[in-house]
PDB file of N, CA and C in Angstrom:
ATOM      1  N   ALA A   1      -9.834   9.048 -66.666  1.00  0.00           N
ATOM      2  CA  ALA A   1     -10.766   9.544 -67.667  1.00  0.00           C
ATOM      3  C   ALA A   1     -10.323   9.062 -69.039  1.00  0.00           C
ATOM      4  N   VAL A   2     -11.291   8.799 -69.904  1.00  0.00           N
ATOM      5  CA  VAL A   2     -11.011   8.226 -71.203  1.00  0.00           C
ATOM      6  C   VAL A   2     -11.515   9.156 -72.292  1.00  0.00           C
ATOM      7  N   GLY A   3     -10.852   9.114 -73.454  1.00  0.00           N
ATOM      8  CA  GLY A   3     -11.304   9.896 -74.596  1.00  0.00           C
ATOM      9  C   GLY A   3     -10.716  11.294 -74.617  1.00  0.00           C
ATOM     10  N   LYS A   4     -11.110  12.056 -75.651  1.00  0.00           N
ATOM     11  CA  LYS A   4     -10.562  13.393 -75.826  1.00  0.00           C
ATOM     12  C   LYS A   4     -10.914  14.318 -74.673  1.00  0.00           C
ATOM     13  N   ALA A   5     -12.152  14.248 -74.172  1.00  0.00           N
ATOM     14  CA  ALA A   5     -12.540  15.095 -73.045  1.00  0.00           C
ATOM     15  C   ALA A   5     -11.709  14.755 -71.817  1.00  0.00           C
ATOM     16  N   GLY A   6     -11.486  13.463 -71.600  1.00  0.00           N
ATOM     17  CA  GLY A   6     -10.664  13.039 -70.476  1.00  0.00           C
ATOM     18  C   GLY A   6      -9.221  13.484 -70.614  1.00  0.00           C
ATOM     19  N   GLU A   7      -8.701  13.404 -71.838  1.00  0.00           N
ATOM     20  CA  GLU A   7      -7.331  13.856 -72.087  1.00  0.00           C
ATOM     21  C   GLU A   7      -7.212  15.354 -71.820  1.00  0.00           C
ATOM     22  N   LEU A   8      -8.196  16.113 -72.295  1.00  0.00           N
ATOM     23  CA  LEU A   8      -8.182  17.555 -72.076  1.00  0.00           C
ATOM     24  C   LEU A   8      -8.255  17.871 -70.586  1.00  0.00           C
ATOM     25  N   ARG A   9      -9.123  17.158 -69.888  1.00  0.00           N
ATOM     26  CA  ARG A   9      -9.256  17.373 -68.445  1.00  0.00           C
ATOM     27  C   ARG A   9      -7.929  17.097 -67.745  1.00  0.00           C
ATOM     28  N   GLU A  10      -7.261  16.008 -68.113  1.00  0.00           N
ATOM     29  CA  GLU A  10      -5.973  15.670 -67.505  1.00  0.00           C
ATOM     30  C   GLU A  10      -4.921  16.748 -67.800  1.00  0.00           C
ATOM     31  N   ARG A  11      -4.934  17.275 -69.035  1.00  0.00           N
ATOM     32  CA  ARG A  11      -3.995  18.339 -69.390  1.00  0.00           C
ATOM     33  C   ARG A  11      -4.240  19.583 -68.548  1.00  0.00           C
ATOM     34  N   LEU A  12      -5.516  19.929 -68.385  1.00  0.00           N
ATOM     35  CA  LEU A  12      -5.848  21.118 -67.604  1.00  0.00           C
ATOM     36  C   LEU A  12      -5.472  20.944 -66.138  1.00  0.00           C
ATOM     37  N   LEU A  13      -5.760  19.765 -65.602  1.00  0.00           N
ATOM     38  CA  LEU A  13      -5.406  19.501 -64.213  1.00  0.00           C
ATOM     39  C   LEU A  13      -3.896  19.511 -64.001  1.00  0.00           C
ATOM     40  N   ALA A  14      -3.149  19.157 -65.039  1.00  0.00           N
ATOM     41  CA  ALA A  14      -1.691  19.159 -64.951  1.00  0.00           C
ATOM     42  C   ALA A  14      -1.127  20.568 -65.171  1.00  0.00           C
ATOM     43  N   GLY A  15      -2.001  21.531 -65.474  1.00  0.00           N
ATOM     44  CA  GLY A  15      -1.546  22.908 -65.665  1.00  0.00           C
ATOM     45  C   GLY A  15      -1.243  23.262 -67.106  1.00  0.00           C
ATOM     46  N   ALA A  16      -1.471  22.331 -68.030  1.00  0.00           N
ATOM     47  CA  ALA A  16      -1.210  22.613 -69.443  1.00  0.00           C
ATOM     48  C   ALA A  16      -2.347  23.464 -70.007  1.00  0.00           C
ATOM     49  N   PRO A  17      -2.044  24.394 -70.892  1.00  0.00           N
ATOM     50  CA  PRO A  17      -3.111  25.201 -71.496  1.00  0.00           C
ATOM     51  C   PRO A  17      -3.950  24.355 -72.435  1.00  0.00           C
ATOM     52  N   PRO A  18      -5.223  24.700 -72.585  1.00  0.00           N
ATOM     53  CA  PRO A  18      -6.064  23.954 -73.516  1.00  0.00           C
ATOM     54  C   PRO A  18      -5.654  24.234 -74.952  1.00  0.00           C
ATOM     55  N   PRO A  19      -5.886  23.301 -75.858  1.00  0.00           N
ATOM     56  CA  PRO A  19      -5.564  23.576 -77.259  1.00  0.00           C
ATOM     57  C   PRO A  19      -6.456  24.702 -77.778  1.00  0.00           C
ATOM     58  N   PRO A  20      -5.903  25.697 -78.463  1.00  0.00           N
ATOM     59  CA  PRO A  20      -6.659  26.871 -78.866  1.00  0.00           C
ATOM     60  C   PRO A  20      -7.500  26.703 -80.125  1.00  0.00           C
ATOM     61  N   SER A  21      -7.379  25.586 -80.828  1.00  0.00           N
ATOM     62  CA  SER A  21      -7.956  25.503 -82.163  1.00  0.00           C
ATOM     63  C   SER A  21      -9.471  25.366 -82.200  1.00  0.00           C
ATOM     64  N   ARG A  22     -10.113  24.753 -81.206  1.00  0.00           N
ATOM     65  CA  ARG A  22     -11.550  24.509 -81.275  1.00  0.00           C
ATOM     66  C   ARG A  22     -12.258  25.198 -80.114  1.00  0.00           C
ATOM     67  N   PRO A  23     -13.022  26.257 -80.381  1.00  0.00           N
ATOM     68  CA  PRO A  23     -13.684  27.004 -79.309  1.00  0.00           C
ATOM     69  C   PRO A  23     -14.627  26.155 -78.474  1.00  0.00           C
ATOM     70  N   GLU A  24     -15.313  25.169 -79.083  1.00  0.00           N
ATOM     71  CA  GLU A  24     -16.255  24.348 -78.306  1.00  0.00           C
ATOM     72  C   GLU A  24     -15.529  23.487 -77.282  1.00  0.00           C
ATOM     73  N   VAL A  25     -14.301  23.061 -77.593  1.00  0.00           N
ATOM     74  CA  VAL A  25     -13.514  22.285 -76.631  1.00  0.00           C
ATOM     75  C   VAL A  25     -13.091  23.196 -75.489  1.00  0.00           C
ATOM     76  N   LEU A  26     -12.666  24.398 -75.813  1.00  0.00           N
ATOM     77  CA  LEU A  26     -12.272  25.363 -74.791  1.00  0.00           C
ATOM     78  C   LEU A  26     -13.454  25.667 -73.876  1.00  0.00           C
ATOM     79  N   GLU A  27     -14.641  25.898 -74.461  1.00  0.00           N
ATOM     80  CA  GLU A  27     -15.823  26.188 -73.656  1.00  0.00           C
ATOM     81  C   GLU A  27     -16.159  25.008 -72.748  1.00  0.00           C
ATOM     82  N   GLY A  28     -16.121  23.802 -73.295  1.00  0.00           N
ATOM     83  CA  GLY A  28     -16.432  22.622 -72.490  1.00  0.00           C
ATOM     84  C   GLY A  28     -15.484  22.462 -71.316  1.00  0.00           C
ATOM     85  N   ALA A  29     -14.217  22.703 -71.549  1.00  0.00           N
ATOM     86  CA  ALA A  29     -13.225  22.585 -70.485  1.00  0.00           C
ATOM     87  C   ALA A  29     -13.449  23.649 -69.418  1.00  0.00           C
ATOM     88  N   LEU A  30     -13.776  24.862 -69.832  1.00  0.00           N
ATOM     89  CA  LEU A  30     -14.040  25.929 -68.864  1.00  0.00           C
ATOM     90  C   LEU A  30     -15.279  25.628 -68.036  1.00  0.00           C
ATOM     91  N   LEU A  31     -16.313  25.139 -68.679  1.00  0.00           N
ATOM     92  CA  LEU A  31     -17.530  24.808 -67.944  1.00  0.00           C
ATOM     93  C   LEU A  31     -17.254  23.717 -66.915  1.00  0.00           C
ATOM     94  N   GLU A  32     -16.485  22.734 -67.317  1.00  0.00           N
ATOM     95  CA  GLU A  32     -16.138  21.655 -66.390  1.00  0.00           C
ATOM     96  C   GLU A  32     -15.333  22.195 -65.211  1.00  0.00           C
ATOM     97  N   ARG A  33     -14.382  23.069 -65.493  1.00  0.00           N
ATOM     98  CA  ARG A  33     -13.571  23.652 -64.414  1.00  0.00           C
ATOM     99  C   ARG A  33     -14.422  24.510 -63.492  1.00  0.00           C
ATOM    100  N   CYS A  34     -15.404  25.214 -64.046  1.00  0.00           N
ATOM    101  CA  CYS A  34     -16.296  26.017 -63.209  1.00  0.00           C
ATOM    102  C   CYS A  34     -17.062  25.125 -62.238  1.00  0.00           C
ATOM    103  N   LEU A  35     -17.532  23.990 -62.720  1.00  0.00           N
ATOM    104  CA  LEU A  35     -18.275  23.070 -61.860  1.00  0.00           C
ATOM    105  C   LEU A  35     -17.397  22.465 -60.772  1.00  0.00           C
ATOM    106  N   GLU A  36     -16.101  22.413 -61.001  1.00  0.00           N
ATOM    107  CA  GLU A  36     -15.188  21.822 -60.029  1.00  0.00           C
ATOM    108  C   GLU A  36     -14.817  22.786 -58.907  1.00  0.00           C
ATOM    109  N   GLU A  37     -15.104  24.069 -59.068  1.00  0.00           N
ATOM    110  CA  GLU A  37     -14.782  25.039 -58.023  1.00  0.00           C
ATOM    111  C   GLU A  37     -15.541  24.683 -56.741  1.00  0.00           C
ATOM    112  N   GLU A  38     -14.865  24.798 -55.620  1.00  0.00           N
ATOM    113  CA  GLU A  38     -15.448  24.407 -54.333  1.00  0.00           C
ATOM    114  C   GLU A  38     -16.758  25.141 -54.045  1.00  0.00           C
ATOM    115  N   ALA A  39     -16.780  26.433 -54.285  1.00  0.00           N
ATOM    116  CA  ALA A  39     -17.994  27.211 -54.004  1.00  0.00           C
ATOM    117  C   ALA A  39     -19.157  26.758 -54.879  1.00  0.00           C
ATOM    118  N   VAL A  40     -18.888  26.403 -56.121  1.00  0.00           N
ATOM    119  CA  VAL A  40     -19.942  25.959 -57.031  1.00  0.00           C
ATOM    120  C   VAL A  40     -20.462  24.591 -56.604  1.00  0.00           C
ATOM    121  N   GLN A  41     -19.594  23.735 -56.111  1.00  0.00           N
ATOM    122  CA  GLN A  41     -20.017  22.405 -55.694  1.00  0.00           C
ATOM    123  C   GLN A  41     -20.996  22.460 -54.525  1.00  0.00           C
ATOM    124  N   LEU A  42     -20.992  23.545 -53.783  1.00  0.00           N
ATOM    125  CA  LEU A  42     -21.910  23.689 -52.654  1.00  0.00           C
ATOM    126  C   LEU A  42     -23.318  24.100 -53.095  1.00  0.00           C
ATOM    127  N   LEU A  43     -23.473  24.509 -54.348  1.00  0.00           N
ATOM    128  CA  LEU A  43     -24.761  24.969 -54.861  1.00  0.00           C
ATOM    129  C   LEU A  43     -25.671  23.810 -55.223  1.00  0.00           C
ATOM    130  N   ASP A  44     -26.977  24.084 -55.223  1.00  0.00           N
ATOM    131  CA  ASP A  44     -27.918  23.066 -55.695  1.00  0.00           C
ATOM    132  C   ASP A  44     -27.870  23.012 -57.222  1.00  0.00           C
ATOM    133  N   ALA A  45     -28.536  22.021 -57.798  1.00  0.00           N
ATOM    134  CA  ALA A  45     -28.466  21.790 -59.251  1.00  0.00           C
ATOM    135  C   ALA A  45     -28.952  22.997 -60.050  1.00  0.00           C
ATOM    136  N   ALA A  46     -30.017  23.641 -59.610  1.00  0.00           N
ATOM    137  CA  ALA A  46     -30.551  24.796 -60.343  1.00  0.00           C
ATOM    138  C   ALA A  46     -29.554  25.955 -60.346  1.00  0.00           C
ATOM    139  N   ALA A  47     -28.905  26.178 -59.234  1.00  0.00           N
ATOM    140  CA  ALA A  47     -27.916  27.253 -59.157  1.00  0.00           C
ATOM    141  C   ALA A  47     -26.696  26.943 -60.018  1.00  0.00           C
ATOM    142  N   LYS A  48     -26.290  25.674 -60.057  1.00  0.00           N
ATOM    143  CA  LYS A  48     -25.170  25.278 -60.914  1.00  0.00           C
ATOM    144  C   LYS A  48     -25.500  25.536 -62.370  1.00  0.00           C
ATOM    145  N   GLU A  49     -26.730  25.251 -62.780  1.00  0.00           N
ATOM    146  CA  GLU A  49     -27.146  25.515 -64.161  1.00  0.00           C
ATOM    147  C   GLU A  49     -27.109  27.015 -64.460  1.00  0.00           C
ATOM    148  N   ARG A  50     -27.470  27.842 -63.487  1.00  0.00           N
ATOM    149  CA  ARG A  50     -27.400  29.299 -63.696  1.00  0.00           C
ATOM    150  C   ARG A  50     -25.950  29.752 -63.864  1.00  0.00           C
ATOM    151  N   VAL A  51     -25.043  29.167 -63.093  1.00  0.00           N
ATOM    152  CA  VAL A  51     -23.621  29.500 -63.230  1.00  0.00           C
ATOM    153  C   VAL A  51     -23.147  29.133 -64.632  1.00  0.00           C
ATOM    154  N   LEU A  52     -23.496  27.923 -65.083  1.00  0.00           N
ATOM    155  CA  LEU A  52     -23.081  27.491 -66.417  1.00  0.00           C
ATOM    156  C   LEU A  52     -23.705  28.371 -67.497  1.00  0.00           C
ATOM    157  N   GLY A  53     -24.954  28.765 -67.317  1.00  0.00           N
ATOM    158  CA  GLY A  53     -25.600  29.666 -68.275  1.00  0.00           C
ATOM    159  C   GLY A  53     -24.892  31.010 -68.341  1.00  0.00           C
ATOM    160  N   TYR A  54     -24.491  31.522 -67.191  1.00  0.00           N
ATOM    161  CA  TYR A  54     -23.754  32.785 -67.137  1.00  0.00           C
ATOM    162  C   TYR A  54     -22.421  32.667 -67.871  1.00  0.00           C
ATOM    163  N   VAL A  55     -21.700  31.595 -67.614  1.00  0.00           N
ATOM    164  CA  VAL A  55     -20.387  31.414 -68.247  1.00  0.00           C
ATOM    165  C   VAL A  55     -20.550  31.256 -69.761  1.00  0.00           C
ATOM    166  N   ARG A  56     -21.549  30.472 -70.194  1.00  0.00           N
ATOM    167  CA  ARG A  56     -21.799  30.328 -71.638  1.00  0.00           C
ATOM    168  C   ARG A  56     -22.103  31.685 -72.278  1.00  0.00           C
ATOM    169  N   ALA A  57     -22.959  32.471 -71.625  1.00  0.00           N
ATOM    170  CA  ALA A  57     -23.313  33.793 -72.156  1.00  0.00           C
ATOM    171  C   ALA A  57     -22.084  34.697 -72.208  1.00  0.00           C
ATOM    172  N   LEU A  58     -21.256  34.644 -71.177  1.00  0.00           N
ATOM    173  CA  LEU A  58     -20.042  35.455 -71.146  1.00  0.00           C
ATOM    174  C   LEU A  58     -19.099  35.073 -72.282  1.00  0.00           C
ATOM    175  N   LEU A  59     -18.948  33.778 -72.529  1.00  0.00           N
ATOM    176  CA  LEU A  59     -18.062  33.325 -73.607  1.00  0.00           C
ATOM    177  C   LEU A  59     -18.606  33.734 -74.979  1.00  0.00           C
ATOM    178  N   ARG A  60     -19.929  33.619 -75.165  1.00  0.00           N
ATOM    179  CA  ARG A  60     -20.530  34.042 -76.443  1.00  0.00           C
ATOM    180  C   ARG A  60     -20.350  35.548 -76.642  1.00  0.00           C
ATOM    181  N   TYR A  61     -20.594  36.313 -75.604  1.00  0.00           N
ATOM    182  CA  TYR A  61     -20.429  37.769 -75.682  1.00  0.00           C
ATOM    183  C   TYR A  61     -18.984  38.116 -76.013  1.00  0.00           C
ATOM    184  N   ASN A  62     -18.062  37.464 -75.328  1.00  0.00           N
ATOM    185  CA  ASN A  62     -16.657  37.773 -75.555  1.00  0.00           C
ATOM    186  C   ASN A  62     -16.200  37.359 -76.942  1.00  0.00           C
ATOM    187  N   ALA A  63     -16.797  36.319 -77.502  1.00  0.00           N
ATOM    188  CA  ALA A  63     -16.432  35.897 -78.865  1.00  0.00           C
ATOM    189  C   ALA A  63     -16.763  36.999 -79.869  1.00  0.00           C
ATOM    190  N   ARG A  64     -17.808  37.775 -79.587  1.00  0.00           N
ATOM    191  CA  ARG A  64     -18.200  38.866 -80.491  1.00  0.00           C
ATOM    192  C   ARG A  64     -17.468  40.167 -80.196  1.00  0.00           C
ATOM    193  N   THR A  65     -17.223  40.449 -78.927  1.00  0.00           N
ATOM    194  CA  THR A  65     -16.681  41.758 -78.557  1.00  0.00           C
ATOM    195  C   THR A  65     -15.212  41.732 -78.192  1.00  0.00           C
ATOM    196  N   ASN A  66     -14.692  40.558 -77.847  1.00  0.00           N
ATOM    197  CA  ASN A  66     -13.284  40.393 -77.478  1.00  0.00           C
ATOM    198  C   ASN A  66     -12.867  41.322 -76.339  1.00  0.00           C
ATOM    199  N   VAL A  67     -13.689  41.364 -75.291  1.00  0.00           N
ATOM    200  CA  VAL A  67     -13.381  42.181 -74.119  1.00  0.00           C
ATOM    201  C   VAL A  67     -12.243  41.552 -73.321  1.00  0.00           C
ATOM    202  N   TYR A  68     -12.301  40.230 -73.166  1.00  0.00           N
ATOM    203  CA  TYR A  68     -11.309  39.514 -72.375  1.00  0.00           C
ATOM    204  C   TYR A  68     -10.395  38.703 -73.278  1.00  0.00           C
ATOM    205  N   ALA A  69      -9.117  38.736 -72.989  1.00  0.00           N
ATOM    206  CA  ALA A  69      -8.170  37.898 -73.726  1.00  0.00           C
ATOM    207  C   ALA A  69      -8.411  36.440 -73.338  1.00  0.00           C
ATOM    208  N   ARG A  70      -8.268  35.544 -74.304  1.00  0.00           N
ATOM    209  CA  ARG A  70      -8.447  34.120 -73.993  1.00  0.00           C
ATOM    210  C   ARG A  70      -7.467  33.661 -72.921  1.00  0.00           C
ATOM    211  N   SER A  71      -6.330  34.329 -72.817  1.00  0.00           N
ATOM    212  CA  SER A  71      -5.369  33.941 -71.790  1.00  0.00           C
ATOM    213  C   SER A  71      -5.913  34.206 -70.384  1.00  0.00           C
ATOM    214  N   SER A  72      -6.917  35.071 -70.266  1.00  0.00           N
ATOM    215  CA  SER A  72      -7.498  35.330 -68.943  1.00  0.00           C
ATOM    216  C   SER A  72      -8.540  34.290 -68.555  1.00  0.00           C
ATOM    217  N   TYR A  73      -8.919  33.412 -69.492  1.00  0.00           N
ATOM    218  CA  TYR A  73      -9.944  32.406 -69.207  1.00  0.00           C
ATOM    219  C   TYR A  73      -9.511  31.436 -68.122  1.00  0.00           C
ATOM    220  N   ASP A  74      -8.218  31.291 -67.881  1.00  0.00           N
ATOM    221  CA  ASP A  74      -7.788  30.363 -66.838  1.00  0.00           C
ATOM    222  C   ASP A  74      -8.237  30.815 -65.457  1.00  0.00           C
ATOM    223  N   LYS A  75      -8.568  32.108 -65.306  1.00  0.00           N
ATOM    224  CA  LYS A  75      -9.036  32.624 -64.025  1.00  0.00           C
ATOM    225  C   LYS A  75     -10.556  32.656 -63.930  1.00  0.00           C
ATOM    226  N   LEU A  76     -11.245  32.391 -65.048  1.00  0.00           N
ATOM    227  CA  LEU A  76     -12.695  32.472 -65.086  1.00  0.00           C
ATOM    228  C   LEU A  76     -13.405  31.545 -64.107  1.00  0.00           C
ATOM    229  N   PRO A  77     -13.025  30.282 -63.957  1.00  0.00           N
ATOM    230  CA  PRO A  77     -13.755  29.415 -63.035  1.00  0.00           C
ATOM    231  C   PRO A  77     -13.809  29.984 -61.606  1.00  0.00           C
ATOM    232  N   PHE A  78     -12.728  30.548 -61.147  1.00  0.00           N
ATOM    233  CA  PHE A  78     -12.702  31.118 -59.792  1.00  0.00           C
ATOM    234  C   PHE A  78     -13.656  32.298 -59.695  1.00  0.00           C
ATOM    235  N   HIS A  79     -13.641  33.160 -60.689  1.00  0.00           N
ATOM    236  CA  HIS A  79     -14.457  34.372 -60.638  1.00  0.00           C
ATOM    237  C   HIS A  79     -15.936  34.117 -60.908  1.00  0.00           C
ATOM    238  N   ALA A  80     -16.223  33.106 -61.701  1.00  0.00           N
ATOM    239  CA  ALA A  80     -17.640  32.803 -61.982  1.00  0.00           C
ATOM    240  C   ALA A  80     -18.298  32.281 -60.724  1.00  0.00           C
TER     241      ALA A  80
END
């Protein structure tokens, strides 16, 4: 993979935490990880879009209410 998104993906796959400074990068990485989950890969395209919509809504909600610690986001792809 090439570029910043590719570098971030490689870091995440290697187990490194995402850089905390830019929320949009964190969201993009989480969405990508959600799509990589085995159960999600079995879904059709419309269902995958619903999963991504749910995760986006959850992240927006949490940005306002801070229900979940950002450190718990590493478990989000599995649970979504």
